[in-house]
Amino acid sequence: MDTPIKVFTALEKKNLLWRVLFRCLDLNHVDFSDADLRGVLFDDTSLRGCDFTGADLRGAIFLCCDLAQARLDRAILFGSRFPGSSLAGSSGLTREQVEYVLEHGGIFVTQASSDMEALPEAHASR
């Protein structure tokens, strides 16, 4: 996995990103760790390999996003939604969080996957 790119300062991640709209962007490998992303809308945005470790994602919407290989350790997901978004190969989610993501529109397989396995056990941290 590539090292996340530090685009935002710690102060910006805590004070400037909540309720922001990110639409049709390539934000691959960006470091969102410990960011306040409450109410953020990610619309058709590529977030491959992003680090959301410890991020507050309450109320965030990931609409048709690619979160493949994203790190989500200790992320707060309550109230977030993932309609049409793929989290294939993501890590750091508990079994309960995987179930939550699936119930709120997320998938853990890629379109190109030939076996089309549902992978919640493979992605859930214990």
N, C-alpha and C. Protein backbone atom coordinates (compact mmCIF):
# COMPACT_ATOMS: atom_id res chain seq x y z
N MET A 1 0.84 -1.17 0.00
CA MET A 1 0.00 0.00 0.00
C MET A 1 0.88 1.24 0.00
N ASP A 2 0.54 2.24 -0.78
CA ASP A 2 1.29 3.49 -0.84
C ASP A 2 1.10 4.28 0.45
N THR A 3 2.08 5.10 0.78
CA THR A 3 1.98 5.98 1.93
C THR A 3 0.96 7.07 1.64
N PRO A 4 0.02 7.32 2.57
CA PRO A 4 -0.97 8.38 2.34
C PRO A 4 -0.31 9.74 2.13
N ILE A 5 -0.90 10.53 1.26
CA ILE A 5 -0.41 11.86 0.93
C ILE A 5 -0.98 12.86 1.91
N LYS A 6 -0.12 13.63 2.54
CA LYS A 6 -0.56 14.64 3.50
C LYS A 6 -0.91 15.93 2.74
N VAL A 7 -2.22 16.11 2.50
CA VAL A 7 -2.71 17.28 1.77
C VAL A 7 -3.17 18.35 2.75
N PHE A 8 -3.70 17.91 3.89
CA PHE A 8 -4.27 18.83 4.87
C PHE A 8 -3.44 18.81 6.15
N THR A 9 -3.33 19.96 6.80
CA THR A 9 -2.68 20.01 8.10
C THR A 9 -3.62 19.42 9.14
N ALA A 10 -3.10 19.12 10.32
CA ALA A 10 -3.93 18.59 11.40
C ALA A 10 -5.04 19.59 11.74
N LEU A 11 -4.74 20.87 11.76
CA LEU A 11 -5.73 21.89 12.07
C LEU A 11 -6.83 21.94 11.00
N GLU A 12 -6.43 21.85 9.74
CA GLU A 12 -7.42 21.82 8.65
C GLU A 12 -8.31 20.59 8.75
N LYS A 13 -7.72 19.43 9.07
CA LYS A 13 -8.51 18.21 9.17
C LYS A 13 -9.52 18.29 10.30
N LYS A 14 -9.23 19.06 11.33
CA LYS A 14 -10.14 19.18 12.47
C LYS A 14 -11.16 20.31 12.30
N ASN A 15 -10.87 21.30 11.49
CA ASN A 15 -11.73 22.49 11.47
C ASN A 15 -12.32 22.90 10.12
N LEU A 16 -11.78 22.41 9.02
CA LEU A 16 -12.21 22.95 7.73
C LEU A 16 -12.94 21.98 6.81
N LEU A 17 -12.97 20.70 7.13
CA LEU A 17 -13.48 19.73 6.16
C LEU A 17 -14.93 19.31 6.37
N TRP A 18 -15.49 19.54 7.54
CA TRP A 18 -16.86 19.07 7.77
C TRP A 18 -17.83 19.78 6.84
N ARG A 19 -18.78 19.00 6.33
CA ARG A 19 -19.83 19.44 5.41
C ARG A 19 -19.31 19.97 4.07
N VAL A 20 -18.16 19.52 3.65
CA VAL A 20 -17.60 19.90 2.36
C VAL A 20 -18.13 18.94 1.30
N LEU A 21 -18.24 19.41 0.07
CA LEU A 21 -18.65 18.58 -1.07
C LEU A 21 -17.42 18.29 -1.91
N PHE A 22 -17.15 16.99 -2.12
CA PHE A 22 -16.08 16.55 -3.01
C PHE A 22 -16.77 15.82 -4.15
N ARG A 23 -16.76 16.36 -5.36
CA ARG A 23 -17.48 15.76 -6.48
C ARG A 23 -16.54 15.52 -7.66
N CYS A 24 -16.58 14.26 -8.16
CA CYS A 24 -15.84 13.87 -9.37
C CYS A 24 -14.34 14.19 -9.26
N LEU A 25 -13.76 13.80 -8.15
CA LEU A 25 -12.35 14.08 -7.91
C LEU A 25 -11.55 12.79 -7.76
N ASP A 26 -10.25 12.90 -7.97
CA ASP A 26 -9.31 11.82 -7.72
C ASP A 26 -8.55 12.21 -6.46
N LEU A 27 -8.94 11.62 -5.33
CA LEU A 27 -8.28 11.90 -4.06
C LEU A 27 -7.56 10.65 -3.54
N ASN A 28 -7.08 9.84 -4.45
CA ASN A 28 -6.42 8.60 -4.08
C ASN A 28 -5.25 8.85 -3.14
N HIS A 29 -5.17 8.00 -2.11
CA HIS A 29 -4.06 7.97 -1.15
C HIS A 29 -3.94 9.22 -0.29
N VAL A 30 -5.02 10.00 -0.16
CA VAL A 30 -4.98 11.18 0.71
C VAL A 30 -5.12 10.75 2.17
N ASP A 31 -4.39 11.42 3.04
CA ASP A 31 -4.43 11.16 4.47
C ASP A 31 -5.56 11.97 5.10
N PHE A 32 -6.67 11.29 5.43
CA PHE A 32 -7.79 11.89 6.15
C PHE A 32 -7.81 11.41 7.60
N SER A 33 -6.71 10.86 8.07
CA SER A 33 -6.70 10.31 9.43
C SER A 33 -7.03 11.39 10.45
N ASP A 34 -7.88 11.01 11.42
CA ASP A 34 -8.31 11.89 12.51
C ASP A 34 -9.04 13.14 12.03
N ALA A 35 -9.52 13.15 10.79
CA ALA A 35 -10.23 14.31 10.25
C ALA A 35 -11.68 14.34 10.71
N ASP A 36 -12.21 15.54 10.85
CA ASP A 36 -13.63 15.73 11.13
C ASP A 36 -14.33 15.85 9.78
N LEU A 37 -14.92 14.74 9.35
CA LEU A 37 -15.59 14.68 8.05
C LEU A 37 -17.10 14.51 8.21
N ARG A 38 -17.62 15.02 9.34
CA ARG A 38 -19.06 14.92 9.58
C ARG A 38 -19.83 15.65 8.48
N GLY A 39 -20.81 14.94 7.92
CA GLY A 39 -21.68 15.55 6.92
C GLY A 39 -21.06 15.79 5.57
N VAL A 40 -19.86 15.31 5.33
CA VAL A 40 -19.20 15.49 4.04
C VAL A 40 -19.90 14.64 2.98
N LEU A 41 -19.99 15.17 1.76
CA LEU A 41 -20.52 14.42 0.63
C LEU A 41 -19.38 14.16 -0.34
N PHE A 42 -19.06 12.88 -0.51
CA PHE A 42 -18.11 12.43 -1.53
C PHE A 42 -18.97 11.87 -2.65
N ASP A 43 -19.02 12.54 -3.78
CA ASP A 43 -19.87 12.14 -4.90
C ASP A 43 -19.00 11.75 -6.09
N ASP A 44 -19.09 10.47 -6.49
CA ASP A 44 -18.34 9.96 -7.64
C ASP A 44 -16.86 10.33 -7.53
N THR A 45 -16.31 10.06 -6.37
CA THR A 45 -14.93 10.43 -6.07
C THR A 45 -14.09 9.18 -5.83
N SER A 46 -12.89 9.18 -6.35
CA SER A 46 -11.97 8.07 -6.14
C SER A 46 -11.17 8.33 -4.88
N LEU A 47 -11.31 7.41 -3.92
CA LEU A 47 -10.65 7.51 -2.62
C LEU A 47 -9.80 6.27 -2.36
N ARG A 48 -9.26 5.70 -3.42
CA ARG A 48 -8.47 4.46 -3.31
C ARG A 48 -7.26 4.68 -2.41
N GLY A 49 -7.10 3.78 -1.45
CA GLY A 49 -5.92 3.84 -0.59
C GLY A 49 -5.90 4.98 0.40
N CYS A 50 -7.01 5.68 0.58
CA CYS A 50 -7.03 6.78 1.56
C CYS A 50 -6.97 6.24 2.97
N ASP A 51 -6.42 7.05 3.86
CA ASP A 51 -6.33 6.69 5.27
C ASP A 51 -7.38 7.49 6.04
N PHE A 52 -8.42 6.78 6.50
CA PHE A 52 -9.48 7.37 7.31
C PHE A 52 -9.35 6.93 8.77
N THR A 53 -8.16 6.53 9.19
CA THR A 53 -7.94 6.06 10.56
C THR A 53 -8.37 7.14 11.55
N GLY A 54 -9.30 6.78 12.45
CA GLY A 54 -9.75 7.70 13.48
C GLY A 54 -10.60 8.85 12.99
N ALA A 55 -11.00 8.84 11.72
CA ALA A 55 -11.80 9.94 11.17
C ALA A 55 -13.24 9.87 11.69
N ASP A 56 -13.84 11.03 11.88
CA ASP A 56 -15.25 11.13 12.27
C ASP A 56 -16.07 11.27 11.00
N LEU A 57 -16.72 10.18 10.61
CA LEU A 57 -17.48 10.13 9.36
C LEU A 57 -18.98 10.15 9.62
N ARG A 58 -19.40 10.60 10.79
CA ARG A 58 -20.83 10.64 11.11
C ARG A 58 -21.57 11.50 10.09
N GLY A 59 -22.60 10.90 9.49
CA GLY A 59 -23.41 11.62 8.53
C GLY A 59 -22.78 11.81 7.16
N ALA A 60 -21.59 11.29 6.95
CA ALA A 60 -20.93 11.42 5.64
C ALA A 60 -21.63 10.52 4.62
N ILE A 61 -21.65 10.97 3.39
CA ILE A 61 -22.24 10.18 2.31
C ILE A 61 -21.16 9.94 1.25
N PHE A 62 -20.98 8.67 0.94
CA PHE A 62 -20.06 8.24 -0.11
C PHE A 62 -20.93 7.73 -1.25
N LEU A 63 -21.22 8.56 -2.23
CA LEU A 63 -22.12 8.23 -3.32
C LEU A 63 -21.31 7.79 -4.53
N CYS A 64 -21.40 6.51 -4.87
CA CYS A 64 -20.69 5.95 -6.04
C CYS A 64 -19.19 6.24 -5.98
N CYS A 65 -18.59 5.95 -4.84
CA CYS A 65 -17.16 6.20 -4.64
C CYS A 65 -16.37 4.91 -4.67
N ASP A 66 -15.10 5.04 -4.95
CA ASP A 66 -14.18 3.91 -4.94
C ASP A 66 -13.28 4.06 -3.72
N LEU A 67 -13.56 3.24 -2.69
CA LEU A 67 -12.78 3.25 -1.46
C LEU A 67 -11.90 2.00 -1.35
N ALA A 68 -11.51 1.45 -2.48
CA ALA A 68 -10.68 0.25 -2.48
C ALA A 68 -9.39 0.52 -1.71
N GLN A 69 -9.01 -0.45 -0.89
CA GLN A 69 -7.77 -0.39 -0.11
C GLN A 69 -7.74 0.74 0.92
N ALA A 70 -8.90 1.34 1.23
CA ALA A 70 -8.94 2.40 2.24
C ALA A 70 -8.70 1.83 3.63
N ARG A 71 -8.06 2.61 4.49
CA ARG A 71 -7.85 2.22 5.89
C ARG A 71 -8.89 2.94 6.74
N LEU A 72 -9.64 2.16 7.53
CA LEU A 72 -10.75 2.72 8.31
C LEU A 72 -10.66 2.35 9.80
N ASP A 73 -9.47 2.09 10.28
CA ASP A 73 -9.29 1.74 11.69
C ASP A 73 -9.83 2.87 12.59
N ARG A 74 -10.66 2.50 13.56
CA ARG A 74 -11.22 3.43 14.54
C ARG A 74 -12.07 4.55 13.94
N ALA A 75 -12.46 4.44 12.67
CA ALA A 75 -13.33 5.46 12.06
C ALA A 75 -14.72 5.38 12.69
N ILE A 76 -15.34 6.52 12.86
CA ILE A 76 -16.71 6.59 13.38
C ILE A 76 -17.65 6.67 12.19
N LEU A 77 -18.48 5.64 12.02
CA LEU A 77 -19.32 5.53 10.83
C LEU A 77 -20.79 5.86 11.08
N PHE A 78 -21.20 6.06 12.31
CA PHE A 78 -22.62 6.23 12.63
C PHE A 78 -23.27 7.29 11.74
N GLY A 79 -24.36 6.92 11.09
CA GLY A 79 -25.10 7.84 10.25
C GLY A 79 -24.54 8.03 8.85
N SER A 80 -23.43 7.38 8.54
CA SER A 80 -22.86 7.51 7.19
C SER A 80 -23.56 6.54 6.25
N ARG A 81 -23.47 6.84 4.95
CA ARG A 81 -24.08 5.99 3.93
C ARG A 81 -23.09 5.79 2.79
N PHE A 82 -23.27 4.65 2.08
CA PHE A 82 -22.31 4.25 1.04
C PHE A 82 -23.00 3.79 -0.24
N PRO A 83 -24.07 4.43 -0.70
CA PRO A 83 -24.78 3.91 -1.87
C PRO A 83 -23.90 3.84 -3.12
N GLY A 84 -23.78 2.61 -3.66
CA GLY A 84 -23.02 2.41 -4.89
C GLY A 84 -21.52 2.51 -4.72
N SER A 85 -21.03 2.46 -3.49
CA SER A 85 -19.59 2.61 -3.26
C SER A 85 -18.94 1.26 -2.98
N SER A 86 -17.73 1.09 -3.50
CA SER A 86 -16.98 -0.16 -3.31
C SER A 86 -15.88 0.06 -2.29
N LEU A 87 -15.81 -0.86 -1.34
CA LEU A 87 -14.76 -0.85 -0.33
C LEU A 87 -13.90 -2.10 -0.46
N ALA A 88 -13.73 -2.58 -1.68
CA ALA A 88 -12.94 -3.80 -1.93
C ALA A 88 -11.53 -3.63 -1.39
N GLY A 89 -11.11 -4.58 -0.57
CA GLY A 89 -9.75 -4.55 -0.04
C GLY A 89 -9.53 -3.54 1.08
N SER A 90 -10.59 -2.90 1.56
CA SER A 90 -10.43 -1.95 2.66
C SER A 90 -10.07 -2.71 3.94
N SER A 91 -9.57 -1.99 4.92
CA SER A 91 -9.15 -2.64 6.16
C SER A 91 -9.53 -1.80 7.36
N GLY A 92 -9.53 -2.49 8.53
CA GLY A 92 -9.73 -1.78 9.78
C GLY A 92 -11.14 -1.75 10.31
N LEU A 93 -12.09 -2.29 9.57
CA LEU A 93 -13.48 -2.28 10.03
C LEU A 93 -13.76 -3.49 10.92
N THR A 94 -14.55 -3.27 11.95
CA THR A 94 -15.00 -4.39 12.76
C THR A 94 -16.08 -5.14 11.99
N ARG A 95 -16.42 -6.31 12.46
CA ARG A 95 -17.49 -7.09 11.83
C ARG A 95 -18.79 -6.27 11.82
N GLU A 96 -19.09 -5.60 12.92
CA GLU A 96 -20.30 -4.78 13.00
C GLU A 96 -20.27 -3.63 11.99
N GLN A 97 -19.10 -3.02 11.82
CA GLN A 97 -18.97 -1.93 10.85
C GLN A 97 -19.14 -2.43 9.42
N VAL A 98 -18.60 -3.62 9.12
CA VAL A 98 -18.79 -4.21 7.80
C VAL A 98 -20.28 -4.41 7.53
N GLU A 99 -20.98 -4.95 8.51
CA GLU A 99 -22.43 -5.15 8.36
C GLU A 99 -23.14 -3.83 8.17
N TYR A 100 -22.73 -2.81 8.92
CA TYR A 100 -23.32 -1.48 8.79
C TYR A 100 -23.13 -0.93 7.37
N VAL A 101 -21.91 -1.03 6.86
CA VAL A 101 -21.61 -0.54 5.51
C VAL A 101 -22.47 -1.27 4.47
N LEU A 102 -22.57 -2.60 4.61
CA LEU A 102 -23.39 -3.37 3.67
C LEU A 102 -24.86 -2.95 3.74
N GLU A 103 -25.36 -2.71 4.94
CA GLU A 103 -26.75 -2.29 5.12
C GLU A 103 -27.01 -0.89 4.57
N HIS A 104 -25.96 -0.10 4.42
CA HIS A 104 -26.10 1.28 3.96
C HIS A 104 -25.50 1.50 2.57
N GLY A 105 -25.56 0.45 1.75
CA GLY A 105 -25.27 0.58 0.33
C GLY A 105 -23.89 0.25 -0.16
N GLY A 106 -22.95 -0.02 0.74
CA GLY A 106 -21.59 -0.32 0.33
C GLY A 106 -21.43 -1.77 -0.10
N ILE A 107 -20.42 -2.01 -0.92
CA ILE A 107 -20.08 -3.37 -1.34
C ILE A 107 -18.59 -3.59 -1.12
N PHE A 108 -18.21 -4.88 -0.98
CA PHE A 108 -16.83 -5.22 -0.71
C PHE A 108 -16.21 -6.04 -1.83
N VAL A 109 -16.78 -6.00 -3.00
CA VAL A 109 -16.24 -6.68 -4.17
C VAL A 109 -16.13 -5.68 -5.30
N THR A 110 -15.26 -5.97 -6.25
CA THR A 110 -15.14 -5.11 -7.41
C THR A 110 -16.06 -5.61 -8.51
N GLN A 111 -16.41 -4.76 -9.43
CA GLN A 111 -17.25 -5.13 -10.56
C GLN A 111 -16.60 -6.25 -11.36
N ALA A 112 -15.28 -6.25 -11.43
CA ALA A 112 -14.55 -7.22 -12.25
C ALA A 112 -14.35 -8.56 -11.55
N SER A 113 -14.75 -8.65 -10.29
CA SER A 113 -14.53 -9.89 -9.55
C SER A 113 -15.31 -11.03 -10.16
N SER A 114 -14.60 -12.07 -10.55
CA SER A 114 -15.27 -13.19 -11.21
C SER A 114 -16.00 -14.09 -10.24
N ASP A 115 -15.51 -14.18 -9.00
CA ASP A 115 -16.18 -15.06 -8.06
C ASP A 115 -17.30 -14.36 -7.29
N MET A 116 -17.33 -13.05 -7.30
CA MET A 116 -18.37 -12.25 -6.68
C MET A 116 -18.68 -12.69 -5.25
N GLU A 117 -17.64 -12.94 -4.48
CA GLU A 117 -17.81 -13.33 -3.10
C GLU A 117 -18.16 -12.10 -2.26
N ALA A 118 -19.06 -12.27 -1.32
CA ALA A 118 -19.26 -11.24 -0.30
C ALA A 118 -18.18 -11.49 0.73
N LEU A 119 -17.41 -10.48 1.06
CA LEU A 119 -16.22 -10.68 1.85
C LEU A 119 -16.25 -10.05 3.23
N PRO A 120 -17.38 -9.96 3.91
CA PRO A 120 -17.34 -9.27 5.20
C PRO A 120 -16.38 -9.90 6.19
N GLU A 121 -16.26 -11.22 6.24
CA GLU A 121 -15.36 -11.86 7.19
C GLU A 121 -13.90 -11.53 6.87
N ALA A 122 -13.58 -11.43 5.61
CA ALA A 122 -12.19 -11.16 5.20
C ALA A 122 -11.78 -9.73 5.53
N HIS A 123 -12.74 -8.82 5.64
CA HIS A 123 -12.41 -7.42 5.84
C HIS A 123 -12.60 -6.96 7.27
N ALA A 124 -13.25 -7.74 8.07
CA ALA A 124 -13.55 -7.33 9.43
C ALA A 124 -12.37 -7.59 10.35
N SER A 125 -12.03 -6.59 11.15
CA SER A 125 -11.01 -6.75 12.19
C SER A 125 -11.66 -7.45 13.36
N ARG A 126 -10.89 -8.18 14.07
CA ARG A 126 -11.44 -8.87 15.25
C ARG A 126 -11.06 -8.16 16.51
